[in-house]
Protein backbone atom coordinates (compact mmCIF):
# COMPACT_ATOMS: atom_id res chain seq x y z
CA MET A 1 55.07 129.33 115.94
CA MET A 2 58.30 128.96 113.94
CA GLN A 3 58.47 125.73 111.95
CA VAL A 4 61.48 123.43 112.40
CA SER A 5 62.54 121.41 109.36
CA PRO A 6 63.19 117.64 109.66
CA LEU A 7 66.87 118.31 108.89
CA GLN A 8 67.17 120.85 111.71
CA ASN A 9 65.38 118.46 114.07
CA LEU A 10 67.79 115.67 113.12
CA HIS A 11 70.80 117.82 113.97
CA PHE A 12 69.18 119.00 117.18
CA LEU A 13 69.08 115.33 118.21
CA PHE A 14 72.74 114.94 117.22
CA ILE A 15 73.73 117.92 119.37
CA LYS A 16 71.74 116.58 122.31
CA SER A 17 73.51 113.22 121.99
CA VAL A 18 76.88 114.96 122.04
CA GLN A 19 75.81 116.99 125.07
CA PHE A 20 74.87 113.79 126.86
CA ALA A 21 78.30 112.31 126.11
CA MET A 22 80.27 115.39 127.23
CA SER A 23 80.23 117.24 130.51
CA ALA A 24 81.58 120.49 129.06
CA SER A 25 79.25 122.81 127.13
CA ARG A 26 81.89 124.69 125.13
CA GLU A 27 81.94 122.14 122.31
CA THR A 28 78.16 121.75 122.12
CA ASP A 29 77.63 125.52 122.22
CA ALA A 30 80.12 125.82 119.37
CA ILE A 31 78.36 123.11 117.36
CA GLN A 32 75.00 124.80 117.89
CA ALA A 33 76.32 128.18 116.66
CA TYR A 34 78.15 126.53 113.73
CA TYR A 35 75.09 124.54 112.66
CA ASN A 36 72.80 127.57 112.98
CA LEU A 37 75.02 129.46 110.56
CA LEU A 38 75.18 126.53 108.13
CA HIS A 39 71.41 126.08 108.21
CA GLY A 40 71.04 129.80 107.56
CA LYS A 41 73.21 129.44 104.47
CA GLY A 42 71.12 126.56 103.16
CA ALA A 43 73.34 123.56 103.97
CA ASP A 44 71.72 120.31 102.84
CA GLU A 45 71.58 116.93 104.59
CA ALA A 46 74.74 115.57 102.95
CA ILE A 47 76.80 118.58 104.04
CA MET A 48 75.50 118.34 107.59
CA ALA A 49 76.10 114.57 107.74
CA GLN A 50 79.80 115.20 106.99
CA ARG A 51 79.95 117.59 109.95
CA ASP A 52 78.14 115.16 112.23
CA GLU A 53 80.58 112.37 111.45
CA LEU A 54 83.74 114.40 112.05
CA LEU A 55 82.59 116.46 115.03
CA SER A 56 81.29 113.41 116.88
CA GLU A 57 84.90 112.17 116.83
CA LEU A 58 86.70 115.49 117.27
CA CYS A 59 84.68 117.06 120.10
CA PRO A 60 85.26 114.35 122.75
CA LYS A 61 89.01 114.83 122.23
CA LEU A 62 88.58 118.54 123.05
CA GLU A 63 86.47 117.98 126.14
CA ASN A 64 87.85 119.55 129.34
CA GLN A 65 90.94 120.77 127.47
CA GLU A 66 92.42 124.26 127.35
CA GLY A 67 90.96 126.29 124.49
CA SER A 68 94.28 126.72 122.69
CA SER A 69 95.39 126.17 119.10
CA ALA A 70 97.89 123.53 120.28
CA VAL A 71 95.09 121.47 121.88
CA TYR A 72 92.96 121.77 118.76
CA ARG A 73 95.85 120.82 116.46
CA LYS A 74 96.63 117.73 118.57
CA ALA A 75 92.99 116.60 118.45
CA VAL A 76 92.91 117.20 114.70
CA ASP A 77 96.11 115.16 114.20
CA GLU A 78 94.53 112.27 116.08
CA CYS A 79 91.31 112.46 114.06
CA LEU A 80 93.06 112.53 110.70
CA GLU A 81 95.60 109.83 111.45
CA ASP A 82 93.49 106.92 110.20
CA LYS A 83 91.57 108.77 107.46
CA PRO A 84 92.24 108.12 103.75
CA ALA A 85 94.26 110.90 102.09
CA GLN A 86 91.45 111.48 99.57
CA ARG A 87 89.15 112.63 102.39
CA TRP A 88 91.54 115.16 103.93
CA PRO A 89 90.43 118.15 101.81
CA GLU A 90 86.78 117.84 102.88
CA LEU A 91 87.69 117.09 106.51
CA LEU A 92 90.14 120.00 106.75
CA THR A 93 87.44 122.32 105.41
CA ILE A 94 85.18 121.36 108.32
CA ILE A 95 88.06 121.61 110.81
CA ARG A 96 88.84 125.18 109.71
CA GLU A 97 85.20 126.21 109.75
CA TYR A 98 84.54 124.87 113.25
CA TYR A 99 87.72 126.25 114.86
CA PRO A 100 86.63 129.90 115.44
CA PHE A 101 83.30 128.68 116.84
CA TRP A 102 85.16 126.42 119.28
CA ARG A 103 87.37 129.34 120.31
CA GLY A 104 84.30 131.54 120.74
CA ASP A 105 85.88 134.12 118.44
CA VAL A 106 82.92 135.94 116.86
CA LYS A 107 85.17 138.34 114.96
CA ALA A 108 87.11 135.43 113.41
CA VAL A 109 83.85 133.71 112.45
CA MET A 110 82.65 136.79 110.59
CA GLN A 111 86.04 137.32 108.97
CA TYR A 112 86.11 133.69 107.83
CA ALA A 113 82.60 134.02 106.41
CA ASP A 114 83.57 137.19 104.52
CA THR A 115 86.90 135.96 103.11
CA VAL A 116 87.08 132.16 102.81
CA GLY A 117 83.37 131.42 103.12
CA PHE A 118 81.65 128.24 104.25
CA GLU A 119 81.85 125.35 101.80
CA LEU A 120 78.30 124.14 101.13
CA HIS A 121 79.12 121.99 98.10
CA PRO A 122 81.10 118.75 97.87
CA ILE A 123 84.67 119.20 96.63
CA GLY A 124 84.80 118.24 92.97
CA TRP A 125 88.29 118.56 91.51
CA GLN A 126 91.34 117.25 93.33
CA PRO A 127 94.93 116.91 92.06
CA ALA A 128 95.95 113.47 90.84
CA VAL A 129 97.41 111.05 93.37
CA ILE A 130 101.21 111.09 93.38
CA ASP A 131 104.05 109.20 95.02
CA LEU A 132 105.92 111.83 97.04
CA GLN A 133 109.07 109.72 97.30
CA SER A 134 109.35 109.74 93.49
CA VAL A 135 108.32 113.36 92.92
CA TRP A 136 110.26 115.01 95.76
CA PRO A 137 113.83 114.43 94.43
CA ALA A 138 112.79 115.41 90.89
CA LEU A 139 111.57 118.83 92.05
CA GLN A 140 115.17 120.03 92.23
CA SER A 141 115.59 119.75 88.44
CA GLU A 142 111.97 120.42 87.41
CA LYS A 143 111.58 123.10 84.72
CA PHE A 144 109.05 125.80 85.54
CA ALA A 145 107.36 128.29 83.23
CA THR A 146 108.02 132.01 83.59
CA SER A 147 104.56 132.47 85.11
CA GLU A 148 105.51 129.90 87.78
CA LEU A 149 109.00 131.25 88.39
CA TRP A 150 107.75 134.77 89.14
CA PRO A 151 105.96 133.83 92.39
CA LEU A 152 108.58 131.22 93.26
CA ASN A 153 111.48 133.67 92.96
CA GLY A 154 109.57 136.29 94.94
CA TYR A 155 108.99 133.77 97.73
CA VAL A 156 112.63 132.68 97.83
CA LYS A 157 113.76 136.29 97.95
CA ALA A 158 111.42 136.96 100.88
CA LEU A 159 112.64 133.85 102.70
CA LYS A 160 116.28 134.91 102.34
CA SER A 161 115.49 138.35 103.73
CA MET A 162 114.37 136.85 107.06
CA ASP A 163 117.16 136.66 109.63
CA HIS A 164 115.86 133.59 111.45
CA LYS A 165 115.50 131.39 108.34
CA GLN A 166 118.25 128.76 108.00
CA GLU A 167 119.55 127.61 104.59
CA MET A 168 118.06 124.14 105.03
CA ASP A 169 114.74 125.65 106.03
CA ILE A 170 114.72 127.87 102.93
CA GLU A 171 115.51 124.91 100.66
CA LEU A 172 112.75 122.80 102.19
CA ARG A 173 110.15 125.57 101.95
CA THR A 174 111.19 126.29 98.36
CA ARG A 175 110.74 122.67 97.38
CA MET A 176 107.31 122.64 99.06
CA ALA A 177 106.34 125.68 96.99
CA LYS A 178 107.57 123.88 93.85
CA LEU A 179 105.43 120.88 94.78
CA MET A 180 102.40 123.15 94.99
CA LEU A 181 103.15 124.67 91.59
CA LEU A 182 103.56 121.23 90.06
CA ARG A 183 100.23 119.99 91.39
CA LEU A 184 98.40 123.21 90.53
CA ARG A 185 99.22 122.84 86.81
CA GLU A 186 96.22 120.58 86.26
CA ALA A 187 93.76 122.71 88.23
CA PRO A 188 90.76 123.90 86.18
CA LEU A 189 90.47 127.65 85.80
CA THR A 190 86.92 127.46 87.12
CA GLU A 191 88.02 126.06 90.50
CA LYS A 192 88.27 129.13 92.73
CA ASN A 193 89.56 127.08 95.68
CA ALA A 194 92.27 125.28 93.72
CA TYR A 195 95.11 126.46 95.96
CA ARG A 196 93.45 125.38 99.20
CA ILE A 197 92.28 122.06 97.76
CA THR A 198 95.78 121.33 96.45
CA ALA A 199 97.34 122.16 99.81
CA ASP A 200 94.84 119.96 101.66
CA ALA A 201 95.38 117.07 99.24
CA THR A 202 99.17 117.40 99.54
CA LEU A 203 99.31 117.60 103.33
CA PRO A 204 98.75 113.86 104.04
CA LEU A 205 101.67 112.97 101.74
CA PHE A 206 104.00 114.04 104.57
CA ASN A 207 104.14 111.37 107.26
CA LEU A 208 105.75 113.39 110.07
CA LYS A 209 103.49 115.81 111.94
CA ASN A 210 106.25 118.43 112.24
CA THR A 211 106.77 118.31 108.48
CA ARG A 212 103.05 118.73 107.92
CA HIS A 213 103.01 121.82 110.12
CA LEU A 214 106.04 123.22 108.26
CA PHE A 215 104.25 122.57 104.96
CA LEU A 216 101.18 124.46 106.19
CA ASN A 217 103.31 127.46 107.11
CA ALA A 218 105.09 127.35 103.74
CA VAL A 219 101.76 127.15 101.92
CA ARG A 220 100.42 130.18 103.78
CA GLU A 221 103.60 132.14 103.05
CA PHE A 222 103.72 131.21 99.37
CA TYR A 223 100.05 131.97 98.74
CA TYR A 224 100.58 135.74 98.62
CA PHE A 225 103.20 135.36 95.90
CA TRP A 226 101.23 132.75 93.94
CA SER A 227 98.11 134.95 93.98
CA ALA A 228 100.17 137.99 92.86
CA HIS A 229 99.20 140.03 95.90
CA PRO A 230 100.61 143.55 95.39
CA ASP A 231 102.00 143.59 98.95
CA ALA A 232 103.07 139.94 99.03
CA GLU A 233 106.39 140.53 100.76
CA GLU A 234 104.83 142.70 103.45
CA MET A 235 102.02 140.19 104.04
CA PHE A 236 104.65 137.45 104.30
CA LYS A 237 106.49 139.36 107.04
CA GLN A 238 103.31 139.84 109.05
CA LEU A 239 102.37 136.15 109.07
CA GLN A 240 102.36 134.30 112.37
CA PRO A 241 102.89 130.53 112.66
CA SER A 242 99.81 128.61 111.55
CA GLU A 243 97.34 128.00 114.39
CA ILE A 244 95.42 125.13 112.84
CA MET A 245 95.42 123.03 109.71
C-alpha cells in the first residue's frame, strides 16, 4: 500500500474542508491537481502553508462563477486589496500558478511548468521600498545607461508603430518601463526571476486597478526588449491583453 506523508495528509484535510465549504467542485479539483504537482516537485510544509492561506480566501470568491479571466482577476483584486505590498510578489506567484489549474487548461499547466516553473523556494531579494509619488515625476529626467536605453528605445519604437496606441498611452507605458529599469538596477545577477519579482513588487504602488492592469500589460510588452529577445518586436505585436496578474 502506498504510504501517505503527514504533509500530504494535512493538505488532504485542508482540501476536504474547502470542499465542505463550497458546493462547486471545480475549485477543489483544481487545488487537488495543483497540490499533487507541488508534492511531486518536493514542496515543503512552508510552501504549502502559503498556498493554503491564500487559496482558502480566493476559492470561495470563485465559487459558482464563470470560469473566465475577468472573474479570476476580480477575485484576485479583492484578495490583494488588504495585503501588505511586501507580500504581493509571493502571493502573485501562487495566483499565477493556480490559474491554469482553475481553468482546467492542461496544456497551459505544462507550458507554465516548462517555461516559468513552480516556485518552491521563498522569495529572497526584493527591490527597495520606494515612494512612487516622489519617483514618478523624476523618471522624465532620469539618466539611463546605454545598456538600459537600448531596450527602452526598442520598446518605444514598437509602441509608436501600433496604430491604436495614443500619445498619452505611449508616454505612460514608457514611464512604466523606466520605472522597471530603475528598480532593476539593484537586482543581483544571481536572481534569475529579478524581472518578475520587480514587477510584482511594483504593482501595488499603483492604487487604481485600471492602472495596475495597464502596468501589467506594459511589463509583459517591455520584457521582450529588456531580455534582448531576437524577435522582440514581433513578440510584442503578438501579445494579447494580460489575462491575470
